Amino acid sequence: MEDRFYLYNDVVDTKTRFISFMGEESRYDLAITTTDRFYGKKLVLNMQSNRFAIIGPDDLEEEGYLEHAFQLSEAEAEELSHFLMEIV
């Protein structure tokens, strides 16, 4: 068997917040992970759709980012963005 070439193989402490809420447009089941990686951004996992994104305040301001990352309608993305502005 060949030796693997790892680019990195680290174990880091993280803090994960699991939150579920019902909005006007949809239900959201999220896992939001904070770590010292990602330059201060958070890893946001949508457990309903199995999609995730690394999100910071600048990403929330980028038009179409949440729609693309989580495959949401414009209304759903706006709803999620309002929530994430409080967290990120």
N, C-alpha and C. Protein backbone atom coordinates (compact mmCIF):
# COMPACT_ATOMS: atom_id res chain seq x y z
N MET A 1 0.84 -1.18 0.00
CA MET A 1 0.00 0.00 0.00
C MET A 1 0.88 1.24 0.00
N GLU A 2 0.48 2.23 -0.78
CA GLU A 2 1.24 3.47 -0.86
C GLU A 2 1.04 4.32 0.39
N ASP A 3 2.05 5.12 0.69
CA ASP A 3 1.90 6.10 1.77
C ASP A 3 1.04 7.24 1.27
N ARG A 4 0.18 7.71 2.12
CA ARG A 4 -0.66 8.86 1.76
C ARG A 4 0.14 10.14 1.90
N PHE A 5 -0.14 11.08 1.03
CA PHE A 5 0.46 12.40 1.12
C PHE A 5 -0.61 13.35 1.65
N TYR A 6 -0.50 13.73 2.92
CA TYR A 6 -1.46 14.62 3.54
C TYR A 6 -1.05 16.07 3.31
N LEU A 7 -2.01 16.88 2.92
CA LEU A 7 -1.76 18.31 2.88
C LEU A 7 -1.80 18.89 4.28
N TYR A 8 -2.71 18.39 5.09
CA TYR A 8 -2.73 18.64 6.51
C TYR A 8 -3.60 17.58 7.16
N ASN A 9 -3.38 17.37 8.44
CA ASN A 9 -4.11 16.37 9.21
C ASN A 9 -4.11 16.83 10.66
N ASP A 10 -4.97 17.79 10.94
CA ASP A 10 -5.00 18.44 12.25
C ASP A 10 -6.26 18.07 13.02
N VAL A 11 -6.16 18.10 14.31
CA VAL A 11 -7.32 17.99 15.18
C VAL A 11 -7.43 19.33 15.91
N VAL A 12 -8.61 19.96 15.81
CA VAL A 12 -8.79 21.27 16.44
C VAL A 12 -10.05 21.24 17.31
N ASP A 13 -10.03 22.07 18.33
CA ASP A 13 -11.22 22.23 19.16
C ASP A 13 -12.21 23.12 18.43
N THR A 14 -13.48 22.74 18.48
CA THR A 14 -14.52 23.53 17.85
C THR A 14 -15.67 23.71 18.82
N LYS A 15 -16.51 24.68 18.49
CA LYS A 15 -17.75 24.89 19.23
C LYS A 15 -18.86 24.84 18.19
N THR A 16 -19.83 23.96 18.39
CA THR A 16 -20.91 23.82 17.43
C THR A 16 -22.24 24.12 18.10
N ARG A 17 -23.01 24.98 17.44
CA ARG A 17 -24.35 25.34 17.91
C ARG A 17 -25.35 24.68 16.97
N PHE A 18 -26.25 23.88 17.52
CA PHE A 18 -27.31 23.26 16.74
C PHE A 18 -28.57 24.06 16.99
N ILE A 19 -29.19 24.52 15.90
CA ILE A 19 -30.37 25.35 16.05
C ILE A 19 -31.38 25.00 14.96
N SER A 20 -32.63 24.93 15.37
CA SER A 20 -33.72 24.66 14.44
C SER A 20 -34.77 25.75 14.66
N PHE A 21 -35.23 26.35 13.57
CA PHE A 21 -36.28 27.35 13.69
C PHE A 21 -37.17 27.31 12.46
N MET A 22 -38.38 27.77 12.66
CA MET A 22 -39.36 27.83 11.58
C MET A 22 -39.52 29.28 11.18
N GLY A 23 -39.26 29.57 9.92
CA GLY A 23 -39.45 30.90 9.39
C GLY A 23 -40.77 30.98 8.65
N GLU A 24 -41.01 32.11 8.02
CA GLU A 24 -42.22 32.27 7.21
C GLU A 24 -42.16 31.41 5.95
N GLU A 25 -40.94 31.22 5.42
CA GLU A 25 -40.76 30.53 4.15
C GLU A 25 -40.41 29.05 4.29
N SER A 26 -39.70 28.69 5.35
CA SER A 26 -39.18 27.34 5.46
C SER A 26 -38.76 27.02 6.89
N ARG A 27 -38.45 25.77 7.11
CA ARG A 27 -37.86 25.33 8.37
C ARG A 27 -36.35 25.20 8.15
N TYR A 28 -35.57 25.57 9.15
CA TYR A 28 -34.12 25.54 9.06
C TYR A 28 -33.57 24.72 10.22
N ASP A 29 -32.79 23.71 9.91
CA ASP A 29 -32.07 22.90 10.90
C ASP A 29 -30.59 23.07 10.60
N LEU A 30 -29.92 23.83 11.45
CA LEU A 30 -28.55 24.24 11.18
C LEU A 30 -27.59 23.74 12.25
N ALA A 31 -26.37 23.48 11.83
CA ALA A 31 -25.25 23.27 12.74
C ALA A 31 -24.24 24.36 12.37
N ILE A 32 -23.89 25.20 13.33
CA ILE A 32 -22.99 26.33 13.08
C ILE A 32 -21.73 26.09 13.90
N THR A 33 -20.63 25.87 13.21
CA THR A 33 -19.37 25.50 13.86
C THR A 33 -18.40 26.67 13.85
N THR A 34 -17.86 26.95 15.03
CA THR A 34 -16.85 27.98 15.19
C THR A 34 -15.52 27.30 15.46
N THR A 35 -14.49 27.73 14.75
CA THR A 35 -13.15 27.17 14.89
C THR A 35 -12.13 28.27 14.62
N ASP A 36 -10.86 27.97 14.85
CA ASP A 36 -9.84 28.98 14.56
C ASP A 36 -9.43 28.96 13.08
N ARG A 37 -10.01 28.08 12.33
CA ARG A 37 -9.81 28.05 10.88
C ARG A 37 -10.78 29.01 10.20
N PHE A 38 -10.70 29.16 8.94
CA PHE A 38 -11.65 29.93 8.12
C PHE A 38 -11.60 31.42 8.38
N TYR A 39 -10.52 31.92 8.95
CA TYR A 39 -10.31 33.37 9.10
C TYR A 39 -11.47 34.07 9.79
N GLY A 40 -12.00 33.47 10.83
CA GLY A 40 -13.07 34.08 11.61
C GLY A 40 -14.47 33.81 11.09
N LYS A 41 -14.57 33.15 9.95
CA LYS A 41 -15.89 32.80 9.43
C LYS A 41 -16.38 31.52 10.10
N LYS A 42 -17.65 31.22 9.91
CA LYS A 42 -18.26 30.05 10.54
C LYS A 42 -18.65 29.04 9.46
N LEU A 43 -18.57 27.78 9.83
CA LEU A 43 -19.01 26.70 8.96
C LEU A 43 -20.48 26.45 9.27
N VAL A 44 -21.36 26.72 8.30
CA VAL A 44 -22.80 26.60 8.49
C VAL A 44 -23.29 25.41 7.68
N LEU A 45 -23.86 24.43 8.37
CA LEU A 45 -24.39 23.23 7.72
C LEU A 45 -25.90 23.24 7.81
N ASN A 46 -26.56 23.08 6.67
CA ASN A 46 -28.00 22.94 6.64
C ASN A 46 -28.30 21.45 6.63
N MET A 47 -28.76 20.93 7.74
CA MET A 47 -28.95 19.48 7.87
C MET A 47 -30.17 18.98 7.09
N GLN A 48 -31.06 19.88 6.69
CA GLN A 48 -32.22 19.50 5.87
C GLN A 48 -31.79 19.16 4.45
N SER A 49 -30.87 19.94 3.91
CA SER A 49 -30.49 19.77 2.50
C SER A 49 -29.10 19.17 2.32
N ASN A 50 -28.39 18.92 3.43
CA ASN A 50 -27.03 18.39 3.36
C ASN A 50 -26.09 19.31 2.59
N ARG A 51 -26.28 20.62 2.71
CA ARG A 51 -25.43 21.60 2.06
C ARG A 51 -24.75 22.42 3.16
N PHE A 52 -23.58 22.95 2.83
CA PHE A 52 -22.85 23.74 3.82
C PHE A 52 -22.08 24.85 3.11
N ALA A 53 -21.70 25.85 3.89
CA ALA A 53 -20.89 26.96 3.38
C ALA A 53 -20.10 27.56 4.53
N ILE A 54 -18.98 28.14 4.20
CA ILE A 54 -18.18 28.91 5.16
C ILE A 54 -18.64 30.35 5.00
N ILE A 55 -19.19 30.91 6.08
CA ILE A 55 -19.88 32.20 5.97
C ILE A 55 -19.36 33.21 6.98
N GLY A 56 -19.12 34.40 6.49
CA GLY A 56 -18.77 35.56 7.30
C GLY A 56 -19.69 36.71 6.93
N PRO A 57 -19.57 37.82 7.61
CA PRO A 57 -20.44 38.97 7.32
C PRO A 57 -20.36 39.42 5.86
N ASP A 58 -19.18 39.35 5.26
CA ASP A 58 -19.03 39.77 3.86
C ASP A 58 -19.82 38.86 2.91
N ASP A 59 -19.93 37.59 3.24
CA ASP A 59 -20.68 36.65 2.41
C ASP A 59 -22.18 36.94 2.46
N LEU A 60 -22.66 37.37 3.61
CA LEU A 60 -24.08 37.68 3.75
C LEU A 60 -24.47 38.91 2.93
N GLU A 61 -23.51 39.77 2.66
CA GLU A 61 -23.78 40.96 1.85
C GLU A 61 -23.68 40.68 0.36
N GLU A 62 -23.08 39.55 -0.01
CA GLU A 62 -22.89 39.22 -1.42
C GLU A 62 -24.20 38.70 -2.02
N GLU A 63 -24.68 39.38 -3.01
CA GLU A 63 -25.95 39.04 -3.64
C GLU A 63 -25.90 37.64 -4.25
N GLY A 64 -26.88 36.82 -3.91
CA GLY A 64 -27.00 35.49 -4.48
C GLY A 64 -26.17 34.42 -3.81
N TYR A 65 -25.34 34.78 -2.82
CA TYR A 65 -24.45 33.80 -2.20
C TYR A 65 -25.22 32.68 -1.49
N LEU A 66 -26.16 33.05 -0.64
CA LEU A 66 -26.90 32.02 0.10
C LEU A 66 -27.80 31.22 -0.83
N GLU A 67 -28.38 31.86 -1.82
CA GLU A 67 -29.21 31.15 -2.78
C GLU A 67 -28.41 30.03 -3.45
N HIS A 68 -27.20 30.38 -3.87
CA HIS A 68 -26.35 29.41 -4.55
C HIS A 68 -25.83 28.33 -3.59
N ALA A 69 -25.29 28.77 -2.46
CA ALA A 69 -24.66 27.83 -1.52
C ALA A 69 -25.64 26.80 -0.96
N PHE A 70 -26.86 27.25 -0.66
CA PHE A 70 -27.82 26.36 -0.02
C PHE A 70 -29.00 25.98 -0.93
N GLN A 71 -28.93 26.41 -2.20
CA GLN A 71 -30.00 26.12 -3.16
C GLN A 71 -31.36 26.57 -2.62
N LEU A 72 -31.44 27.85 -2.26
CA LEU A 72 -32.65 28.44 -1.68
C LEU A 72 -33.28 29.41 -2.66
N SER A 73 -34.57 29.66 -2.45
CA SER A 73 -35.23 30.72 -3.19
C SER A 73 -34.74 32.06 -2.63
N GLU A 74 -35.03 33.12 -3.34
CA GLU A 74 -34.62 34.44 -2.87
C GLU A 74 -35.25 34.77 -1.52
N ALA A 75 -36.52 34.43 -1.35
CA ALA A 75 -37.23 34.70 -0.08
C ALA A 75 -36.63 33.88 1.06
N GLU A 76 -36.32 32.61 0.81
CA GLU A 76 -35.72 31.77 1.84
C GLU A 76 -34.33 32.28 2.22
N ALA A 77 -33.56 32.68 1.22
CA ALA A 77 -32.21 33.18 1.48
C ALA A 77 -32.25 34.47 2.29
N GLU A 78 -33.22 35.32 2.02
CA GLU A 78 -33.36 36.56 2.78
C GLU A 78 -33.68 36.25 4.25
N GLU A 79 -34.56 35.29 4.45
CA GLU A 79 -34.94 34.88 5.80
C GLU A 79 -33.73 34.31 6.55
N LEU A 80 -32.98 33.44 5.89
CA LEU A 80 -31.80 32.84 6.51
C LEU A 80 -30.74 33.91 6.77
N SER A 81 -30.58 34.82 5.85
CA SER A 81 -29.60 35.90 6.01
C SER A 81 -29.89 36.74 7.25
N HIS A 82 -31.16 37.08 7.46
CA HIS A 82 -31.53 37.87 8.65
C HIS A 82 -31.15 37.13 9.93
N PHE A 83 -31.35 35.83 9.96
CA PHE A 83 -30.97 35.05 11.13
C PHE A 83 -29.45 35.01 11.29
N LEU A 84 -28.73 34.70 10.20
CA LEU A 84 -27.28 34.56 10.29
C LEU A 84 -26.58 35.86 10.62
N MET A 85 -27.17 37.00 10.30
CA MET A 85 -26.57 38.30 10.66
C MET A 85 -26.42 38.42 12.17
N GLU A 86 -27.30 37.80 12.91
CA GLU A 86 -27.23 37.82 14.38
C GLU A 86 -26.11 36.91 14.90
N ILE A 87 -25.79 35.87 14.15
CA ILE A 87 -24.84 34.84 14.59
C ILE A 87 -23.42 35.12 14.09
N VAL A 88 -23.32 35.49 12.83
CA VAL A 88 -22.01 35.64 12.18
C VAL A 88 -21.54 37.03 12.44
